[in-house]
C-alpha cells in the first residue's frame, strides 16, 4: 500500500512539474520561431556590437545608452570588459556611438549598468541615474553630464535594503525615483524556480532621501518603467506576464492600476 501511495504521489508530482515546465516554456517563447525580416533603414551601430540594455533621450536629441550588462543566465559578448555608457546625437544623419568617460573616483572596473533615467534640473543641468550591479548587487549611481566635452562626473551611489534585483528606474526629481524589482529572490537558483513557479512577487518601489516604500506589487517580473511627461501616469512592463501596466500616480507616490496592454520590455515615452 505504501509503495502504491508513493507511486501515485510521484506521478502527481511529475505531472505538475511537467505542466509548470511547459507553461514556463510558453511564457518565455521557447518554441517561438523568429522569422527573418529585411532591416530596411536599420543599420548596426559600431561600438554596440555586444548589445545594449537601455536608452534615454534628451529633448535636444542626445541619447544615452547603457551597454555591457552582465546578468545571471544571460549571454554576454564581452565578459571581461566593464560596462559603459554611450552617447549618440540622433540629429546627425549617421549617428555614431561614443563612449562617455567617467571621472570623480568611480569604480569603473565593476561597472555593470542596467536601466537608466535622465533628470534635468531647473538650471538645465543634466543628471544621469544608472542602475548598477557591481558584483551582482544593486545600486543606483548618479552622474552629472558635461556636454562641452561629453563625459560623466560621478556624484553619488544610492544603496538601500529594498533596492535588490533592480531592473530599471524613472527619475522624478533630485534623488527621487521609481525603481522596478525583476526578481524577488537574489539567489540565482531560487530565481530560476521563481520563474518556473510563476511567482508574481516583484514590485515597484519609490525612493527619496526621506522615504522608501513599495508602491505597487503583484508583478511576475517588473521590468522597464517610465513616467508620462506630466508625471500623472506611470508605465510598467511585466516581461514575464507580457503586458504593460498603466498606473496612476498619487500625491503620496503610491500607484494604482488603470489598465493593462500588450507586452513590451523597456519603455520609452517620447
C-alpha atoms as a PDB file:
ATOM      1  CA  UNK A   1       0.000   0.000   0.000  1.00  0.00           C
ATOM      2  CA  UNK A   2       2.824   2.361   0.899  1.00  0.00           C
ATOM      3  CA  UNK A   3       4.516   1.770  -2.449  1.00  0.00           C
ATOM      4  CA  UNK A   4       1.275   2.485  -4.289  1.00  0.00           C
ATOM      5  CA  UNK A   5       0.804   5.790  -2.456  1.00  0.00           C
ATOM      6  CA  UNK A   6       4.412   6.713  -3.189  1.00  0.00           C
ATOM      7  CA  UNK A   7       3.955   5.931  -6.887  1.00  0.00           C
ATOM      8  CA  UNK A   8       0.742   7.978  -7.027  1.00  0.00           C
ATOM      9  CA  UNK A   9       2.418  10.940  -5.331  1.00  0.00           C
ATOM     10  CA  UNK A  10       5.402  10.619  -7.654  1.00  0.00           C
ATOM     11  CA  UNK A  11       3.127  10.563 -10.693  1.00  0.00           C
ATOM     12  CA  UNK A  12       1.198  13.607  -9.499  1.00  0.00           C
ATOM     13  CA  UNK A  13       4.437  15.442  -8.751  1.00  0.00           C
ATOM     14  CA  UNK A  14       5.900  14.661 -12.167  1.00  0.00           C
ATOM     15  CA  UNK A  15       2.653  15.691 -13.855  1.00  0.00           C
ATOM     16  CA  UNK A  16       2.520  19.020 -12.036  1.00  0.00           C
ATOM     17  CA  UNK A  17       6.217  19.603 -12.655  1.00  0.00           C
ATOM     18  CA  UNK A  18       5.826  18.882 -16.359  1.00  0.00           C
ATOM     19  CA  UNK A  19       2.819  21.171 -16.611  1.00  0.00           C
ATOM     20  CA  UNK A  20       4.667  24.015 -14.895  1.00  0.00           C
ATOM     21  CA  UNK A  21       7.705  23.493 -17.134  1.00  0.00           C
ATOM     22  CA  UNK A  22       5.576  23.609 -20.294  1.00  0.00           C
ATOM     23  CA  UNK A  23       3.838  26.747 -19.027  1.00  0.00           C
ATOM     24  CA  UNK A  24       7.254  28.290 -18.362  1.00  0.00           C
ATOM     25  CA  UNK A  25       8.415  27.488 -21.903  1.00  0.00           C
ATOM     26  CA  UNK A  26       5.278  29.179 -23.227  1.00  0.00           C
ATOM     27  CA  UNK A  27       5.892  32.307 -21.123  1.00  0.00           C
ATOM     28  CA  UNK A  28       9.467  32.682 -22.369  1.00  0.00           C
ATOM     29  CA  UNK A  29       8.545  31.893 -26.004  1.00  0.00           C
ATOM     30  CA  UNK A  30      10.948  28.937 -26.059  1.00  0.00           C
ATOM     31  CA  UNK A  31       9.190  27.376 -29.074  1.00  0.00           C
ATOM     32  CA  UNK A  32       8.657  30.592 -30.981  1.00  0.00           C
ATOM     33  CA  UNK A  33      10.130  30.752 -34.473  1.00  0.00           C
ATOM     34  CA  UNK A  34      11.685  34.089 -35.359  1.00  0.00           C
ATOM     35  CA  UNK A  35      11.128  34.963 -38.995  1.00  0.00           C
ATOM     36  CA  UNK A  36      13.859  36.994 -40.722  1.00  0.00           C
ATOM     37  CA  UNK A  37      12.837  40.434 -41.952  1.00  0.00           C
ATOM     38  CA  UNK A  38      14.564  42.980 -44.141  1.00  0.00           C
ATOM     39  CA  UNK A  39      16.137  45.725 -41.983  1.00  0.00           C
ATOM     40  CA  UNK A  40      15.213  48.477 -44.478  1.00  0.00           C
ATOM     41  CA  UNK A  41      16.694  51.648 -42.967  1.00  0.00           C
ATOM     42  CA  UNK A  42      18.149  49.921 -39.898  1.00  0.00           C
ATOM     43  CA  UNK A  43      21.900  49.564 -39.537  1.00  0.00           C
ATOM     44  CA  UNK A  44      24.348  48.206 -36.993  1.00  0.00           C
ATOM     45  CA  UNK A  45      25.811  50.818 -34.652  1.00  0.00           C
ATOM     46  CA  UNK A  46      29.536  50.288 -34.230  1.00  0.00           C
ATOM     47  CA  UNK A  47      30.829  50.008 -30.650  1.00  0.00           C
ATOM     48  CA  UNK A  48      27.499  48.495 -29.573  1.00  0.00           C
ATOM     49  CA  UNK A  49      28.081  45.046 -31.048  1.00  0.00           C
ATOM     50  CA  UNK A  50      27.974  43.467 -27.583  1.00  0.00           C
ATOM     51  CA  UNK A  51      24.442  44.736 -27.057  1.00  0.00           C
ATOM     52  CA  UNK A  52      22.736  47.467 -25.089  1.00  0.00           C
ATOM     53  CA  UNK A  53      20.197  47.410 -22.271  1.00  0.00           C
ATOM     54  CA  UNK A  54      18.509  50.806 -22.058  1.00  0.00           C
ATOM     55  CA  UNK A  55      18.279  54.191 -23.757  1.00  0.00           C
ATOM     56  CA  UNK A  56      17.074  57.623 -22.665  1.00  0.00           C
ATOM     57  CA  UNK A  57      16.931  60.671 -24.913  1.00  0.00           C
ATOM     58  CA  UNK A  58      17.293  64.370 -24.122  1.00  0.00           C
ATOM     59  CA  UNK A  59      14.940  66.897 -25.782  1.00  0.00           C
ATOM     60  CA  UNK A  60      17.981  68.052 -27.772  1.00  0.00           C
ATOM     61  CA  UNK A  61      18.280  64.632 -29.429  1.00  0.00           C
ATOM     62  CA  UNK A  62      21.273  63.364 -27.457  1.00  0.00           C
ATOM     63  CA  UNK A  63      20.746  59.734 -26.480  1.00  0.00           C
ATOM     64  CA  UNK A  64      22.359  57.907 -23.556  1.00  0.00           C
ATOM     65  CA  UNK A  65      22.758  54.137 -23.962  1.00  0.00           C
ATOM     66  CA  UNK A  66      23.818  51.608 -21.328  1.00  0.00           C
ATOM     67  CA  UNK A  67      25.820  48.656 -22.614  1.00  0.00           C
ATOM     68  CA  UNK A  68      27.713  45.618 -21.374  1.00  0.00           C
ATOM     69  CA  UNK A  69      25.229  44.260 -18.837  1.00  0.00           C
ATOM     70  CA  UNK A  70      26.304  41.028 -17.162  1.00  0.00           C
ATOM     71  CA  UNK A  71      23.223  39.250 -15.853  1.00  0.00           C
ATOM     72  CA  UNK A  72      22.837  35.713 -14.434  1.00  0.00           C
ATOM     73  CA  UNK A  73      21.605  33.288 -17.066  1.00  0.00           C
ATOM     74  CA  UNK A  74      22.030  35.738 -19.940  1.00  0.00           C
ATOM     75  CA  UNK A  75      24.766  35.576 -22.614  1.00  0.00           C
ATOM     76  CA  UNK A  76      27.455  38.250 -22.581  1.00  0.00           C
ATOM     77  CA  UNK A  77      29.653  39.025 -25.570  1.00  0.00           C
ATOM     78  CA  UNK A  78      32.380  40.854 -23.636  1.00  0.00           C
ATOM     79  CA  UNK A  79      32.573  39.101 -20.245  1.00  0.00           C
ATOM     80  CA  UNK A  80      35.982  40.534 -19.350  1.00  0.00           C
ATOM     81  CA  UNK A  81      35.127  44.165 -20.083  1.00  0.00           C
ATOM     82  CA  UNK A  82      33.285  46.539 -17.742  1.00  0.00           C
ATOM     83  CA  UNK A  83      30.034  48.113 -18.827  1.00  0.00           C
ATOM     84  CA  UNK A  84      29.867  51.512 -20.483  1.00  0.00           C
ATOM     85  CA  UNK A  85      27.569  54.438 -21.158  1.00  0.00           C
ATOM     86  CA  UNK A  86      27.451  55.613 -24.764  1.00  0.00           C
ATOM     87  CA  UNK A  87      26.251  58.902 -26.228  1.00  0.00           C
ATOM     88  CA  UNK A  88      24.668  59.361 -29.656  1.00  0.00           C
ATOM     89  CA  UNK A  89      23.489  62.530 -31.372  1.00  0.00           C
ATOM     90  CA  UNK A  90      20.308  61.485 -33.149  1.00  0.00           C
ATOM     91  CA  UNK A  91      20.270  64.751 -35.101  1.00  0.00           C
ATOM     92  CA  UNK A  92      23.178  63.515 -37.207  1.00  0.00           C
ATOM     93  CA  UNK A  93      22.476  61.779 -40.496  1.00  0.00           C
ATOM     94  CA  UNK A  94      24.626  58.815 -39.481  1.00  0.00           C
ATOM     95  CA  UNK A  95      24.791  58.879 -35.681  1.00  0.00           C
ATOM     96  CA  UNK A  96      27.801  57.290 -34.041  1.00  0.00           C
ATOM     97  CA  UNK A  97      28.095  55.959 -30.526  1.00  0.00           C
ATOM     98  CA  UNK A  98      30.882  57.421 -28.425  1.00  0.00           C
ATOM     99  CA  UNK A  99      31.944  56.149 -25.023  1.00  0.00           C
ATOM    100  CA  UNK A 100      31.415  58.611 -22.199  1.00  0.00           C
ATOM    101  CA  UNK A 101      34.432  58.797 -19.924  1.00  0.00           C
ATOM    102  CA  UNK A 102      33.623  58.765 -16.213  1.00  0.00           C
ATOM    103  CA  UNK A 103      35.532  60.874 -13.702  1.00  0.00           C
ATOM    104  CA  UNK A 104      35.175  61.558  -9.997  1.00  0.00           C
ATOM    105  CA  UNK A 105      36.643  58.445  -8.408  1.00  0.00           C
ATOM    106  CA  UNK A 106      34.063  55.983  -9.698  1.00  0.00           C
ATOM    107  CA  UNK A 107      34.924  52.251  -9.740  1.00  0.00           C
ATOM    108  CA  UNK A 108      34.749  51.701 -13.491  1.00  0.00           C
ATOM    109  CA  UNK A 109      36.070  48.128 -13.381  1.00  0.00           C
ATOM    110  CA  UNK A 110      32.948  46.839 -11.614  1.00  0.00           C
ATOM    111  CA  UNK A 111      30.534  48.974 -13.659  1.00  0.00           C
ATOM    112  CA  UNK A 112      27.582  46.808 -14.739  1.00  0.00           C
ATOM    113  CA  UNK A 113      24.876  49.211 -15.994  1.00  0.00           C
ATOM    114  CA  UNK A 114      21.243  48.199 -16.417  1.00  0.00           C
ATOM    115  CA  UNK A 115      18.329  50.676 -16.602  1.00  0.00           C
ATOM    116  CA  UNK A 116      18.970  54.422 -16.912  1.00  0.00           C
ATOM    117  CA  UNK A 117      16.965  57.622 -16.489  1.00  0.00           C
ATOM    118  CA  UNK A 118      17.660  61.308 -17.134  1.00  0.00           C
ATOM    119  CA  UNK A 119      16.820  64.224 -14.845  1.00  0.00           C
ATOM    120  CA  UNK A 120      17.142  67.857 -15.970  1.00  0.00           C
ATOM    121  CA  UNK A 121      17.443  70.409 -13.164  1.00  0.00           C
ATOM    122  CA  UNK A 122      15.956  73.917 -13.190  1.00  0.00           C
ATOM    123  CA  UNK A 123      19.290  75.334 -14.346  1.00  0.00           C
ATOM    124  CA  UNK A 124      19.288  72.801 -17.253  1.00  0.00           C
ATOM    125  CA  UNK A 125      21.997  70.668 -15.681  1.00  0.00           C
ATOM    126  CA  UNK A 126      21.597  67.077 -16.877  1.00  0.00           C
ATOM    127  CA  UNK A 127      21.926  64.192 -14.439  1.00  0.00           C
ATOM    128  CA  UNK A 128      22.038  60.534 -15.433  1.00  0.00           C
ATOM    129  CA  UNK A 129      20.801  57.930 -12.967  1.00  0.00           C
ATOM    130  CA  UNK A 130      22.073  54.406 -13.656  1.00  0.00           C
ATOM    131  CA  UNK A 131      21.057  51.067 -12.148  1.00  0.00           C
ATOM    132  CA  UNK A 132      24.351  49.330 -11.455  1.00  0.00           C
ATOM    133  CA  UNK A 133      25.102  45.721 -10.477  1.00  0.00           C
ATOM    134  CA  UNK A 134      28.652  45.734  -9.088  1.00  0.00           C
ATOM    135  CA  UNK A 135      29.498  42.191  -8.019  1.00  0.00           C
ATOM    136  CA  UNK A 136      25.853  41.295  -8.792  1.00  0.00           C
ATOM    137  CA  UNK A 137      24.480  43.672  -6.146  1.00  0.00           C
ATOM    138  CA  UNK A 138      22.077  46.540  -6.928  1.00  0.00           C
ATOM    139  CA  UNK A 139      22.866  50.229  -6.525  1.00  0.00           C
ATOM    140  CA  UNK A 140      21.823  53.449  -8.231  1.00  0.00           C
ATOM    141  CA  UNK A 141      24.627  55.708  -9.446  1.00  0.00           C
ATOM    142  CA  UNK A 142      24.160  59.447 -10.017  1.00  0.00           C
ATOM    143  CA  UNK A 143      26.287  61.220 -12.632  1.00  0.00           C
ATOM    144  CA  UNK A 144      26.372  64.776 -13.938  1.00  0.00           C
ATOM    145  CA  UNK A 145      26.615  65.114 -17.707  1.00  0.00           C
ATOM    146  CA  UNK A 146      29.249  67.505 -19.072  1.00  0.00           C
ATOM    147  CA  UNK A 147      28.128  68.406 -22.595  1.00  0.00           C
ATOM    148  CA  UNK A 148      31.021  70.652 -23.698  1.00  0.00           C
ATOM    149  CA  UNK A 149      33.478  67.769 -23.598  1.00  0.00           C
ATOM    150  CA  UNK A 150      30.986  64.911 -23.376  1.00  0.00           C
ATOM    151  CA  UNK A 151      31.664  62.959 -20.193  1.00  0.00           C
ATOM    152  CA  UNK A 152      30.090  61.906 -16.915  1.00  0.00           C
ATOM    153  CA  UNK A 153      31.102  63.086 -13.454  1.00  0.00           C
ATOM    154  CA  UNK A 154      30.359  60.632 -10.667  1.00  0.00           C
ATOM    155  CA  UNK A 155      28.431  62.228  -7.794  1.00  0.00           C
ATOM    156  CA  UNK A 156      26.874  59.603  -5.550  1.00  0.00           C
ATOM    157  CA  UNK A 157      25.906  55.953  -5.007  1.00  0.00           C
ATOM    158  CA  UNK A 158      22.493  55.124  -3.541  1.00  0.00           C
ATOM    159  CA  UNK A 159      22.028  51.870  -1.609  1.00  0.00           C
ATOM    160  CA  UNK A 160      19.032  50.555   0.319  1.00  0.00           C
ATOM    161  CA  UNK A 161      17.787  47.191   1.571  1.00  0.00           C
ATOM    162  CA  UNK A 162      14.755  47.412  -0.750  1.00  0.00           C
ATOM    163  CA  UNK A 163      16.964  48.116  -3.777  1.00  0.00           C
ATOM    164  CA  UNK A 164      17.519  44.480  -4.670  1.00  0.00           C
ATOM    165  CA  UNK A 165      17.424  42.894  -8.126  1.00  0.00           C
ATOM    166  CA  UNK A 166      16.681  46.339  -9.558  1.00  0.00           C
ATOM    167  CA  UNK A 167      15.978  46.446 -13.285  1.00  0.00           C
ATOM    168  CA  UNK A 168      15.012  49.989 -14.266  1.00  0.00           C
ATOM    169  CA  UNK A 169      14.319  53.417 -12.782  1.00  0.00           C
ATOM    170  CA  UNK A 170      12.297  56.511 -13.641  1.00  0.00           C
ATOM    171  CA  UNK A 171      13.575  59.716 -12.037  1.00  0.00           C
ATOM    172  CA  UNK A 172      11.010  62.201 -10.727  1.00  0.00           C
ATOM    173  CA  UNK A 173      13.230  64.788  -9.025  1.00  0.00           C
ATOM    174  CA  UNK A 174      16.580  65.171  -7.252  1.00  0.00           C
ATOM    175  CA  UNK A 175      17.232  61.748  -5.697  1.00  0.00           C
ATOM    176  CA  UNK A 176      13.577  60.806  -6.194  1.00  0.00           C
ATOM    177  CA  UNK A 177      12.700  57.884  -8.419  1.00  0.00           C
ATOM    178  CA  UNK A 178      10.610  54.794  -9.009  1.00  0.00           C
ATOM    179  CA  UNK A 179      12.511  51.517  -9.388  1.00  0.00           C
ATOM    180  CA  UNK A 180      11.409  48.075 -10.563  1.00  0.00           C
ATOM    181  CA  UNK A 181      12.442  44.789  -8.995  1.00  0.00           C
ATOM    182  CA  UNK A 182      12.506  42.000 -11.579  1.00  0.00           C
ATOM    183  CA  UNK A 183      13.096  39.044  -9.209  1.00  0.00           C
ATOM    184  CA  UNK A 184      12.014  38.511  -5.624  1.00  0.00           C
ATOM    185  CA  UNK A 185      14.944  36.213  -4.843  1.00  0.00           C
ATOM    186  CA  UNK A 186      18.512  37.383  -5.321  1.00  0.00           C
ATOM    187  CA  UNK A 187      19.905  33.840  -5.357  1.00  0.00           C
ATOM    188  CA  UNK A 188      20.114  32.678  -8.990  1.00  0.00           C
ATOM    189  CA  UNK A 189      18.951  29.131  -8.118  1.00  0.00           C
ATOM    190  CA  UNK A 190      15.869  30.421  -6.283  1.00  0.00           C
ATOM    191  CA  UNK A 191      15.223  32.978  -9.026  1.00  0.00           C
ATOM    192  CA  UNK A 192      15.017  30.154 -11.550  1.00  0.00           C
ATOM    193  CA  UNK A 193      12.352  28.362  -9.504  1.00  0.00           C
ATOM    194  CA  UNK A 194      10.594  31.676  -9.018  1.00  0.00           C
ATOM    195  CA  UNK A 195      10.160  31.836 -12.788  1.00  0.00           C
ATOM    196  CA  UNK A 196       9.194  28.160 -13.097  1.00  0.00           C
ATOM    197  CA  UNK A 197       6.522  28.512 -10.404  1.00  0.00           C
ATOM    198  CA  UNK A 198       5.325  31.811 -11.909  1.00  0.00           C
ATOM    199  CA  UNK A 199       5.507  33.617  -8.564  1.00  0.00           C
ATOM    200  CA  UNK A 200       4.297  37.185  -9.022  1.00  0.00           C
ATOM    201  CA  UNK A 201       6.112  38.657  -6.029  1.00  0.00           C
ATOM    202  CA  UNK A 202       8.036  41.551  -7.595  1.00  0.00           C
ATOM    203  CA  UNK A 203       7.195  45.205  -7.191  1.00  0.00           C
ATOM    204  CA  UNK A 204       7.773  48.880  -7.898  1.00  0.00           C
ATOM    205  CA  UNK A 205       9.259  50.994  -5.129  1.00  0.00           C
ATOM    206  CA  UNK A 206       9.571  54.714  -4.559  1.00  0.00           C
ATOM    207  CA  UNK A 207      12.864  56.124  -3.290  1.00  0.00           C
ATOM    208  CA  UNK A 208      13.652  59.514  -1.782  1.00  0.00           C
ATOM    209  CA  UNK A 209      16.093  60.576   0.955  1.00  0.00           C
ATOM    210  CA  UNK A 210      13.131  60.838   3.352  1.00  0.00           C
ATOM    211  CA  UNK A 211      11.062  57.803   2.380  1.00  0.00           C
ATOM    212  CA  UNK A 212      11.493  54.440   0.689  1.00  0.00           C
ATOM    213  CA  UNK A 213       8.468  52.217   0.162  1.00  0.00           C
ATOM    214  CA  UNK A 214       6.795  49.690  -2.123  1.00  0.00           C
ATOM    215  CA  UNK A 215       4.114  51.487  -4.152  1.00  0.00           C
ATOM    216  CA  UNK A 216       2.834  48.691  -6.412  1.00  0.00           C
ATOM    217  CA  UNK A 217       3.207  44.917  -6.235  1.00  0.00           C
ATOM    218  CA  UNK A 218       1.970  41.684  -7.752  1.00  0.00           C
ATOM    219  CA  UNK A 219       4.200  41.732 -10.863  1.00  0.00           C
ATOM    220  CA  UNK A 220       5.679  38.497 -12.190  1.00  0.00           C
ATOM    221  CA  UNK A 221       8.825  40.345 -13.280  1.00  0.00           C
ATOM    222  CA  UNK A 222       8.640  44.146 -13.153  1.00  0.00           C
ATOM    223  CA  UNK A 223      10.934  45.386 -15.908  1.00  0.00           C
ATOM    224  CA  UNK A 224      11.019  48.680 -17.819  1.00  0.00           C
ATOM    225  CA  UNK A 225       9.404  51.750 -16.252  1.00  0.00           C
ATOM    226  CA  UNK A 226       8.762  55.314 -17.358  1.00  0.00           C
ATOM    227  CA  UNK A 227       6.644  58.304 -16.359  1.00  0.00           C
ATOM    228  CA  UNK A 228       4.421  60.457 -18.566  1.00  0.00           C
ATOM    229  CA  UNK A 229       5.597  64.000 -19.315  1.00  0.00           C
ATOM    230  CA  UNK A 230       3.037  65.483 -16.905  1.00  0.00           C
ATOM    231  CA  UNK A 231       4.074  62.918 -14.232  1.00  0.00           C
ATOM    232  CA  UNK A 232       0.467  61.789 -13.774  1.00  0.00           C
ATOM    233  CA  UNK A 233       0.901  58.257 -15.094  1.00  0.00           C
ATOM    234  CA  UNK A 234       3.499  55.534 -14.746  1.00  0.00           C
ATOM    235  CA  UNK A 235       4.016  52.713 -17.251  1.00  0.00           C
ATOM    236  CA  UNK A 236       5.461  49.419 -16.017  1.00  0.00           C
ATOM    237  CA  UNK A 237       6.405  46.488 -18.244  1.00  0.00           C
ATOM    238  CA  UNK A 238       5.996  42.983 -16.829  1.00  0.00           C
ATOM    239  CA  UNK A 239       8.223  40.862 -19.033  1.00  0.00           C
ATOM    240  CA  UNK A 240       7.016  37.517 -17.638  1.00  0.00           C
ATOM    241  CA  UNK A 241       3.320  38.367 -17.972  1.00  0.00           C
ATOM    242  CA  UNK A 242       3.927  40.006 -21.378  1.00  0.00           C
ATOM    243  CA  UNK A 243       1.992  43.160 -20.592  1.00  0.00           C
ATOM    244  CA  UNK A 244       2.296  46.828 -19.686  1.00  0.00           C
ATOM    245  CA  UNK A 245       0.578  48.211 -16.615  1.00  0.00           C
ATOM    246  CA  UNK A 246      -0.696  51.767 -16.955  1.00  0.00           C
ATOM    247  CA  UNK A 247      -0.827  53.231 -13.469  1.00  0.00           C
ATOM    248  CA  UNK A 248      -1.976  56.473 -11.878  1.00  0.00           C
ATOM    249  CA  UNK A 249       0.455  58.317  -9.594  1.00  0.00           C
ATOM    250  CA  UNK A 250      -0.950  59.781  -6.392  1.00  0.00           C
ATOM    251  CA  UNK A 251       0.271  62.655  -4.226  1.00  0.00           C
ATOM    252  CA  UNK A 252       1.749  60.195  -1.721  1.00  0.00           C
ATOM    253  CA  UNK A 253       3.680  58.493  -4.583  1.00  0.00           C
ATOM    254  CA  UNK A 254       1.539  55.328  -4.441  1.00  0.00           C
ATOM    255  CA  UNK A 255       0.412  53.807  -7.743  1.00  0.00           C
ATOM    256  CA  UNK A 256      -2.958  52.331  -8.697  1.00  0.00           C
ATOM    257  CA  UNK A 257      -3.538  50.377 -11.883  1.00  0.00           C
ATOM    258  CA  UNK A 258      -5.804  51.792 -14.574  1.00  0.00           C
ATOM    259  CA  UNK A 259      -5.386  49.161 -17.314  1.00  0.00           C
ATOM    260  CA  UNK A 260      -3.091  46.600 -18.945  1.00  0.00           C
ATOM    261  CA  UNK A 261      -1.989  46.478 -22.552  1.00  0.00           C
ATOM    262  CA  UNK A 262       0.300  44.486 -24.862  1.00  0.00           C
ATOM    263  CA  UNK A 263       3.730  43.216 -23.840  1.00  0.00           C
ATOM    264  CA  UNK A 264       6.917  45.217 -24.163  1.00  0.00           C
ATOM    265  CA  UNK A 265      10.310  45.195 -22.427  1.00  0.00           C
ATOM    266  CA  UNK A 266      11.987  48.524 -21.805  1.00  0.00           C
ATOM    267  CA  UNK A 267       9.667  51.502 -22.192  1.00  0.00           C
ATOM    268  CA  UNK A 268      10.424  54.887 -23.711  1.00  0.00           C
ATOM    269  CA  UNK A 269       7.794  57.607 -23.883  1.00  0.00           C
ATOM    270  CA  UNK A 270       8.663  60.480 -26.219  1.00  0.00           C
END
